[in-house]
């Protein structure tokens, strides 16, 4: 799967979006982050732009701000600002698809193992999986709920957030912001990861 750099213009053409299937985008990651957010996989719009949560209408960036992680709403083209706040982004599955339901369970399971490796290597204080259904499948936790999880990933504590996609009608933006705020509050109380 080819990896592409960020496209210089913010809005790709329909042809660019359609051609993005299977592409990957680089992680926004650094050692010792406060929170490493883990999306399910890039959508085609993100694949076309080379930016995480890039589609207009995706509520990750507004929820991050409403949750108190940033003093202003960052944009998908500001990965350096994200890292400056001690935050990063990766995905359970690297390849871009039109919909997350195109992913096979074995891809999510393999992605969970790769995420555990990243957590050991980069040692974030927290890893937050963004999407409870993907978490349940990838981590084989069929009854998992939102919030802090009992297990850890390497030294990192583990949290599950709702999927911020505009297709997730169960959570409106205020409710998403509240979920992100709960994570921020937990991270402020226990900022440093410790080995299990």
Protein backbone atom coordinates (compact mmCIF):
# COMPACT_ATOMS: atom_id res chain seq x y z
CA UNK A 1 0.00 0.00 0.00
CA UNK A 2 1.58 3.29 -1.02
CA UNK A 3 2.06 6.01 1.58
CA UNK A 4 1.49 9.58 0.44
CA UNK A 5 2.50 12.92 1.83
CA UNK A 6 -0.07 15.55 2.68
CA UNK A 7 -1.66 17.08 -0.40
CA UNK A 8 -1.03 20.85 -0.49
CA UNK A 9 -4.66 21.80 -1.10
CA UNK A 10 -7.27 21.08 1.56
CA UNK A 11 -10.01 19.74 -0.71
CA UNK A 12 -9.17 16.82 -2.98
CA UNK A 13 -11.12 16.21 -6.16
CA UNK A 14 -13.60 13.34 -6.40
CA UNK A 15 -11.10 11.47 -8.56
CA UNK A 16 -8.36 11.92 -5.92
CA UNK A 17 -10.69 10.66 -3.21
CA UNK A 18 -11.71 7.63 -5.30
CA UNK A 19 -8.07 6.83 -6.05
CA UNK A 20 -7.13 6.85 -2.34
CA UNK A 21 -8.42 3.33 -1.59
CA UNK A 22 -5.66 1.32 0.06
CA UNK A 23 -3.39 4.29 0.72
CA UNK A 24 -1.81 4.86 4.11
CA UNK A 25 -0.97 8.04 5.94
CA UNK A 26 1.86 8.56 8.39
CA UNK A 27 1.27 8.40 12.12
CA UNK A 28 1.46 11.61 14.11
CA UNK A 29 3.53 10.19 16.95
CA UNK A 30 6.43 10.95 19.25
CA UNK A 31 7.84 9.40 22.42
CA UNK A 32 6.11 10.17 25.72
CA UNK A 33 2.83 11.64 24.45
CA UNK A 34 0.05 12.39 26.94
CA UNK A 35 -2.49 10.64 24.70
CA UNK A 36 -2.07 8.63 21.51
CA UNK A 37 -5.46 8.58 19.75
CA UNK A 38 -6.07 5.53 17.59
CA UNK A 39 -8.65 5.80 14.83
CA UNK A 40 -10.16 2.77 13.13
CA UNK A 41 -8.60 3.43 9.71
CA UNK A 42 -8.29 6.36 7.32
CA UNK A 43 -11.28 7.19 5.18
CA UNK A 44 -10.76 7.88 1.49
CA UNK A 45 -10.76 11.65 2.07
CA UNK A 46 -7.97 11.26 4.63
CA UNK A 47 -6.14 8.94 2.26
CA UNK A 48 -6.37 11.55 -0.49
CA UNK A 49 -5.12 14.40 1.70
CA UNK A 50 -2.59 12.45 3.80
CA UNK A 51 -4.21 13.85 6.97
CA UNK A 52 -5.99 12.14 9.85
CA UNK A 53 -9.69 12.85 10.42
CA UNK A 54 -9.60 15.16 7.39
CA UNK A 55 -13.12 14.87 5.98
CA UNK A 56 -15.22 17.98 6.57
CA UNK A 57 -17.85 17.01 9.08
CA UNK A 58 -15.62 14.63 11.02
CA UNK A 59 -15.99 15.69 14.62
CA UNK A 60 -12.62 14.57 16.02
CA UNK A 61 -11.06 18.05 15.98
CA UNK A 62 -14.09 19.86 17.49
CA UNK A 63 -14.48 17.12 20.15
CA UNK A 64 -10.78 17.36 21.00
CA UNK A 65 -11.19 21.10 21.57
CA UNK A 66 -14.49 20.81 23.45
CA UNK A 67 -12.90 18.15 25.62
CA UNK A 68 -10.30 20.68 26.73
CA UNK A 69 -7.24 19.15 25.08
CA UNK A 70 -6.55 22.26 22.99
CA UNK A 71 -7.23 25.96 23.53
CA UNK A 72 -8.55 26.28 19.98
CA UNK A 73 -9.91 23.89 17.40
CA UNK A 74 -6.95 22.45 15.53
CA UNK A 75 -7.25 21.38 11.90
CA UNK A 76 -6.15 18.17 10.25
CA UNK A 77 -3.27 20.00 8.54
CA UNK A 78 -1.70 20.96 11.91
CA UNK A 79 0.01 17.76 13.10
CA UNK A 80 2.92 19.69 14.65
CA UNK A 81 0.47 21.62 16.84
CA UNK A 82 -1.08 18.34 17.93
CA UNK A 83 2.29 16.91 19.01
CA UNK A 84 3.11 20.20 20.76
CA UNK A 85 0.05 19.51 22.95
CA UNK A 86 1.42 16.04 23.78
CA UNK A 87 -1.09 14.31 21.51
CA UNK A 88 -0.72 11.96 18.56
CA UNK A 89 -2.77 9.91 16.09
CA UNK A 90 -2.42 6.43 14.63
CA UNK A 91 -4.91 3.86 13.28
CA UNK A 92 -5.81 0.26 14.02
CA UNK A 93 -5.70 -0.48 10.29
CA UNK A 94 -3.46 1.58 8.04
CA UNK A 95 -5.27 1.23 4.70
CA UNK A 96 -7.85 3.77 3.59
CA UNK A 97 -11.35 2.55 2.80
CA UNK A 98 -14.67 4.21 2.00
CA UNK A 99 -16.21 2.77 5.18
CA UNK A 100 -14.82 1.12 8.31
CA UNK A 101 -17.17 -1.84 7.83
CA UNK A 102 -15.05 -2.85 4.82
CA UNK A 103 -12.35 -4.02 7.24
CA UNK A 104 -12.06 -7.69 8.11
CA UNK A 105 -11.98 -8.75 11.80
CA UNK A 106 -8.50 -10.21 11.36
CA UNK A 107 -7.23 -6.80 10.21
CA UNK A 108 -8.53 -5.19 13.41
CA UNK A 109 -7.01 -7.97 15.54
CA UNK A 110 -3.64 -7.57 13.83
CA UNK A 111 -3.96 -3.79 14.25
CA UNK A 112 -4.52 -4.17 17.99
CA UNK A 113 -1.27 -6.14 18.25
CA UNK A 114 0.57 -3.45 16.25
CA UNK A 115 -0.93 -0.75 18.48
CA UNK A 116 0.41 -2.59 21.54
CA UNK A 117 3.87 -2.60 19.92
CA UNK A 118 3.64 1.17 19.30
CA UNK A 119 2.58 1.74 22.91
CA UNK A 120 5.63 -0.17 24.15
CA UNK A 121 7.94 1.64 21.74
CA UNK A 122 6.65 5.21 22.23
CA UNK A 123 5.32 4.92 25.81
CA UNK A 124 2.37 7.33 25.71
CA UNK A 125 0.67 7.83 29.06
CA UNK A 126 -2.70 6.92 27.51
CA UNK A 127 -3.90 5.22 24.33
CA UNK A 128 -7.45 6.17 23.31
CA UNK A 129 -9.13 3.94 20.72
CA UNK A 130 -11.71 5.99 18.83
CA UNK A 131 -14.52 3.55 18.08
CA UNK A 132 -15.96 1.03 20.54
CA UNK A 133 -17.03 -1.55 17.93
CA UNK A 134 -13.55 -1.66 16.39
CA UNK A 135 -12.08 -1.93 19.89
CA UNK A 136 -14.36 -4.84 20.77
CA UNK A 137 -13.34 -6.72 17.64
CA UNK A 138 -9.64 -5.85 17.60
CA UNK A 139 -9.05 -6.48 21.28
CA UNK A 140 -11.53 -9.37 21.52
CA UNK A 141 -13.50 -7.65 24.28
CA UNK A 142 -17.08 -8.25 23.15
CA UNK A 143 -18.69 -6.47 26.09
CA UNK A 144 -16.32 -3.49 26.36
CA UNK A 145 -17.90 -0.12 27.02
CA UNK A 146 -16.68 3.44 26.61
CA UNK A 147 -14.16 4.82 29.08
CA UNK A 148 -11.10 3.41 30.81
CA UNK A 149 -10.33 -0.24 30.16
CA UNK A 150 -8.89 -2.66 32.74
CA UNK A 151 -5.93 -3.75 30.63
CA UNK A 152 -2.96 -1.71 29.50
CA UNK A 153 -0.98 -1.50 26.31
CA UNK A 154 2.60 -1.78 27.43
CA UNK A 155 2.99 1.01 29.99
CA UNK A 156 0.00 2.99 28.67
CA UNK A 157 -3.44 3.15 30.21
CA UNK A 158 -6.23 2.38 27.75
CA UNK A 159 -9.43 4.34 27.03
CA UNK A 160 -12.22 3.86 24.47
CA UNK A 161 -14.00 6.86 22.91
CA UNK A 162 -16.96 6.98 20.52
CA UNK A 163 -16.27 7.17 16.81
CA UNK A 164 -16.34 10.89 15.84
CA UNK A 165 -17.55 10.21 12.31
CA UNK A 166 -20.56 12.22 11.26
CA UNK A 167 -22.20 8.84 10.55
CA UNK A 168 -22.25 8.07 14.30
CA UNK A 169 -25.70 9.40 15.16
CA UNK A 170 -25.55 8.03 18.72
CA UNK A 171 -23.25 10.86 19.80
CA UNK A 172 -23.84 14.49 18.98
CA UNK A 173 -20.92 16.93 19.29
CA UNK A 174 -21.67 17.98 22.88
CA UNK A 175 -21.77 14.34 23.99
CA UNK A 176 -18.54 13.61 22.11
CA UNK A 177 -16.88 16.60 23.76
CA UNK A 178 -17.96 15.28 27.16
CA UNK A 179 -16.42 11.88 26.38
CA UNK A 180 -13.14 13.53 25.37
CA UNK A 181 -13.28 15.69 28.52
CA UNK A 182 -13.62 12.58 30.70
CA UNK A 183 -10.43 11.20 29.14
CA UNK A 184 -8.62 14.51 29.63
CA UNK A 185 -9.63 14.61 33.28
CA UNK A 186 -8.43 11.04 33.83
CA UNK A 187 -5.16 11.83 32.05
CA UNK A 188 -4.63 14.89 34.25
CA UNK A 189 -5.15 12.78 37.40
CA UNK A 190 -2.80 10.03 36.21
CA UNK A 191 -0.54 11.65 33.61
CA UNK A 192 2.38 9.24 33.69
CA UNK A 193 2.12 5.68 32.48
CA UNK A 194 3.65 3.03 34.66
CA UNK A 195 4.59 -0.49 33.72
CA UNK A 196 2.02 -3.13 34.71
